[in-house]
Amino acid sequence: MRAQRSPPTAQPPVNLPELLARVDNDRVFLSELIAIFKVEFPKLLQSLQQSVAQENLASVETVSHALKGMLSALSVTRGAAIAAQIEQFARAGETAGLAEELRHLESEVADLLPALEAGAEGAQP
């Protein structure tokens, strides 16, 4: 069930045109979404890290599903796809690829907040 990794790209982690269209270019609303993200995302990521370390597949599945939804809502397409892959691994009872996929997710979202904030600054009220 191993996914083939495509080579890293120089593309930003967030699809800003799609995200701005989703929020109708509303900078205030986007800033509110980012504020929620700043609080909730680290908690979810930490929970996923702990669940993967403990090989708690039920928790991995639940938390990765929540992350997938959060990232999808913010047009973080590649990050959401990785979270979906982690969710599928957990659902299938596979522990072998979890740590690698988690590292891939962490790498993908490492520069996410600055990219989101840049998008919020560029949006029109």
C-alpha atoms as a PDB file:
ATOM      1  CA  MET A   1       0.000   0.000   0.000  1.00  0.00           C
ATOM      2  CA  ARG A   2       3.044   2.219  -0.219  1.00  0.00           C
ATOM      3  CA  ALA A   3       2.446   5.434  -2.140  1.00  0.00           C
ATOM      4  CA  GLN A   4       4.986   6.508  -4.687  1.00  0.00           C
ATOM      5  CA  ARG A   5       6.621   9.770  -3.686  1.00  0.00           C
ATOM      6  CA  SER A   6       6.927  12.371  -6.337  1.00  0.00           C
ATOM      7  CA  PRO A   7      10.059  14.503  -6.239  1.00  0.00           C
ATOM      8  CA  PRO A   8       9.831  17.618  -4.069  1.00  0.00           C
ATOM      9  CA  THR A   9       8.692  20.720  -5.888  1.00  0.00           C
ATOM     10  CA  ALA A  10       9.295  24.395  -5.337  1.00  0.00           C
ATOM     11  CA  GLN A  11       5.546  24.962  -5.166  1.00  0.00           C
ATOM     12  CA  PRO A  12       4.229  26.611  -2.017  1.00  0.00           C
ATOM     13  CA  PRO A  13       2.388  24.344   0.432  1.00  0.00           C
ATOM     14  CA  VAL A  14      -0.892  26.243  -0.006  1.00  0.00           C
ATOM     15  CA  ASN A  15      -2.813  26.925  -3.214  1.00  0.00           C
ATOM     16  CA  LEU A  16      -3.348  30.643  -2.547  1.00  0.00           C
ATOM     17  CA  PRO A  17      -5.548  31.392  -5.577  1.00  0.00           C
ATOM     18  CA  GLU A  18      -7.896  28.577  -4.582  1.00  0.00           C
ATOM     19  CA  LEU A  19      -7.890  29.619  -0.915  1.00  0.00           C
ATOM     20  CA  LEU A  20      -8.566  33.261  -1.732  1.00  0.00           C
ATOM     21  CA  ALA A  21     -11.433  32.228  -3.987  1.00  0.00           C
ATOM     22  CA  ARG A  22     -12.871  30.083  -1.171  1.00  0.00           C
ATOM     23  CA  VAL A  23     -12.954  33.049   1.201  1.00  0.00           C
ATOM     24  CA  ASP A  24     -14.098  35.461  -1.516  1.00  0.00           C
ATOM     25  CA  ASN A  25     -10.865  37.432  -1.089  1.00  0.00           C
ATOM     26  CA  ASP A  26     -11.970  38.408   2.445  1.00  0.00           C
ATOM     27  CA  ARG A  27      -8.786  39.210   4.370  1.00  0.00           C
ATOM     28  CA  VAL A  28     -10.561  39.479   7.726  1.00  0.00           C
ATOM     29  CA  PHE A  29     -12.216  36.080   7.363  1.00  0.00           C
ATOM     30  CA  LEU A  30      -8.971  34.502   6.158  1.00  0.00           C
ATOM     31  CA  SER A  31      -7.121  36.007   9.123  1.00  0.00           C
ATOM     32  CA  GLU A  32      -9.719  34.480  11.447  1.00  0.00           C
ATOM     33  CA  LEU A  33      -9.256  31.068   9.802  1.00  0.00           C
ATOM     34  CA  ILE A  34      -5.492  31.385  10.169  1.00  0.00           C
ATOM     35  CA  ALA A  35      -5.853  32.322  13.856  1.00  0.00           C
ATOM     36  CA  ILE A  36      -7.895  29.162  14.447  1.00  0.00           C
ATOM     37  CA  PHE A  37      -5.359  27.152  12.458  1.00  0.00           C
ATOM     38  CA  LYS A  38      -2.475  28.515  14.578  1.00  0.00           C
ATOM     39  CA  VAL A  39      -4.162  27.185  17.710  1.00  0.00           C
ATOM     40  CA  GLU A  40      -5.610  23.894  16.470  1.00  0.00           C
ATOM     41  CA  PHE A  41      -3.042  22.619  13.969  1.00  0.00           C
ATOM     42  CA  PRO A  42      -0.115  22.226  16.409  1.00  0.00           C
ATOM     43  CA  LYS A  43      -2.363  20.310  18.816  1.00  0.00           C
ATOM     44  CA  LEU A  44      -3.528  17.955  16.085  1.00  0.00           C
ATOM     45  CA  LEU A  45      -0.020  17.464  14.717  1.00  0.00           C
ATOM     46  CA  GLN A  46       1.327  16.704  18.201  1.00  0.00           C
ATOM     47  CA  SER A  47      -1.516  14.256  18.793  1.00  0.00           C
ATOM     48  CA  LEU A  48      -0.716  12.552  15.480  1.00  0.00           C
ATOM     49  CA  GLN A  49       2.969  12.349  16.374  1.00  0.00           C
ATOM     50  CA  GLN A  50       2.156  10.723  19.707  1.00  0.00           C
ATOM     51  CA  SER A  51      -0.358   8.334  18.142  1.00  0.00           C
ATOM     52  CA  VAL A  52       2.136   7.253  15.477  1.00  0.00           C
ATOM     53  CA  ALA A  53       4.875   6.769  18.101  1.00  0.00           C
ATOM     54  CA  GLN A  54       2.516   4.595  20.152  1.00  0.00           C
ATOM     55  CA  GLU A  55       1.158   2.840  17.040  1.00  0.00           C
ATOM     56  CA  ASN A  56      -2.359   3.709  18.199  1.00  0.00           C
ATOM     57  CA  LEU A  57      -4.028   3.168  14.833  1.00  0.00           C
ATOM     58  CA  ALA A  58      -7.518   4.207  15.940  1.00  0.00           C
ATOM     59  CA  SER A  59      -6.177   7.557  17.087  1.00  0.00           C
ATOM     60  CA  VAL A  60      -3.942   7.911  14.009  1.00  0.00           C
ATOM     61  CA  GLU A  61      -6.979   7.387  11.810  1.00  0.00           C
ATOM     62  CA  THR A  62      -9.126   9.907  13.703  1.00  0.00           C
ATOM     63  CA  VAL A  63      -6.478  12.618  13.984  1.00  0.00           C
ATOM     64  CA  SER A  64      -5.211  12.276  10.424  1.00  0.00           C
ATOM     65  CA  HIS A  65      -8.823  12.530   9.220  1.00  0.00           C
ATOM     66  CA  ALA A  66      -9.218  15.802  11.162  1.00  0.00           C
ATOM     67  CA  LEU A  67      -5.937  17.105   9.739  1.00  0.00           C
ATOM     68  CA  LYS A  68      -7.005  16.142   6.229  1.00  0.00           C
ATOM     69  CA  GLY A  69     -10.181  18.182   6.621  1.00  0.00           C
ATOM     70  CA  MET A  70      -8.409  21.172   8.108  1.00  0.00           C
ATOM     71  CA  LEU A  71      -5.729  21.198   5.415  1.00  0.00           C
ATOM     72  CA  SER A  72      -8.263  20.676   2.627  1.00  0.00           C
ATOM     73  CA  ALA A  73     -10.321  23.614   3.857  1.00  0.00           C
ATOM     74  CA  LEU A  74      -7.231  25.813   3.635  1.00  0.00           C
ATOM     75  CA  SER A  75      -6.301  24.572   0.136  1.00  0.00           C
ATOM     76  CA  VAL A  76      -3.213  22.760   1.380  1.00  0.00           C
ATOM     77  CA  THR A  77      -3.697  20.071  -1.240  1.00  0.00           C
ATOM     78  CA  ARG A  78      -0.467  18.097  -0.897  1.00  0.00           C
ATOM     79  CA  GLY A  79      -0.586  18.178   2.902  1.00  0.00           C
ATOM     80  CA  ALA A  80      -4.196  17.001   2.860  1.00  0.00           C
ATOM     81  CA  ALA A  81      -3.234  14.169   0.502  1.00  0.00           C
ATOM     82  CA  ILE A  82      -0.464  13.045   2.866  1.00  0.00           C
ATOM     83  CA  ALA A  83      -2.863  13.158   5.825  1.00  0.00           C
ATOM     84  CA  ALA A  84      -5.293  11.074   3.756  1.00  0.00           C
ATOM     85  CA  GLN A  85      -2.527   8.544   3.072  1.00  0.00           C
ATOM     86  CA  ILE A  86      -1.779   8.310   6.797  1.00  0.00           C
ATOM     87  CA  GLU A  87      -5.486   7.813   7.475  1.00  0.00           C
ATOM     88  CA  GLN A  88      -5.615   5.008   4.887  1.00  0.00           C
ATOM     89  CA  PHE A  89      -2.562   3.300   6.387  1.00  0.00           C
ATOM     90  CA  ALA A  90      -4.154   3.377   9.837  1.00  0.00           C
ATOM     91  CA  ARG A  91      -7.495   2.129   8.533  1.00  0.00           C
ATOM     92  CA  ALA A  92      -5.720  -0.760   6.813  1.00  0.00           C
ATOM     93  CA  GLY A  93      -3.815  -1.616   9.997  1.00  0.00           C
ATOM     94  CA  GLU A  94      -0.454  -0.742   8.428  1.00  0.00           C
ATOM     95  CA  THR A  95       2.172   0.620  10.773  1.00  0.00           C
ATOM     96  CA  ALA A  96       5.220   0.190   8.527  1.00  0.00           C
ATOM     97  CA  GLY A  97       4.872   3.448   6.590  1.00  0.00           C
ATOM     98  CA  LEU A  98       3.364   5.671   9.262  1.00  0.00           C
ATOM     99  CA  ALA A  99       6.547   7.278  10.597  1.00  0.00           C
ATOM    100  CA  GLU A 100       7.799   7.998   7.074  1.00  0.00           C
ATOM    101  CA  GLU A 101       4.476   9.521   6.032  1.00  0.00           C
ATOM    102  CA  LEU A 102       4.412  11.595   9.216  1.00  0.00           C
ATOM    103  CA  ARG A 103       7.878  12.972   8.414  1.00  0.00           C
ATOM    104  CA  HIS A 104       6.661  13.744   4.906  1.00  0.00           C
ATOM    105  CA  LEU A 105       3.652  15.614   6.326  1.00  0.00           C
ATOM    106  CA  GLU A 106       5.848  17.543   8.758  1.00  0.00           C
ATOM    107  CA  SER A 107       8.140  18.544   5.899  1.00  0.00           C
ATOM    108  CA  GLU A 108       5.217  19.571   3.705  1.00  0.00           C
ATOM    109  CA  VAL A 109       3.661  21.846   6.335  1.00  0.00           C
ATOM    110  CA  ALA A 110       6.912  23.289   7.710  1.00  0.00           C
ATOM    111  CA  ASP A 111       6.464  26.576   5.812  1.00  0.00           C
ATOM    112  CA  LEU A 112       2.686  26.555   5.807  1.00  0.00           C
ATOM    113  CA  LEU A 113       1.981  29.345   8.278  1.00  0.00           C
ATOM    114  CA  PRO A 114       4.119  31.976   6.508  1.00  0.00           C
ATOM    115  CA  ALA A 115       2.473  31.008   3.205  1.00  0.00           C
ATOM    116  CA  LEU A 116      -1.003  31.358   4.708  1.00  0.00           C
ATOM    117  CA  GLU A 117      -0.159  34.684   6.306  1.00  0.00           C
ATOM    118  CA  ALA A 118       1.237  35.958   3.019  1.00  0.00           C
ATOM    119  CA  GLY A 119      -2.034  35.010   1.382  1.00  0.00           C
ATOM    120  CA  ALA A 120      -4.027  36.826   4.053  1.00  0.00           C
ATOM    121  CA  GLU A 121      -1.944  39.966   3.549  1.00  0.00           C
ATOM    122  CA  GLY A 122      -2.482  39.828  -0.197  1.00  0.00           C
ATOM    123  CA  ALA A 123      -6.267  39.376   0.028  1.00  0.00           C
ATOM    124  CA  GLN A 124      -8.564  42.310  -0.448  1.00  0.00           C
ATOM    125  CA  PRO A 125     -11.115  43.225   2.241  1.00  0.00           C
END
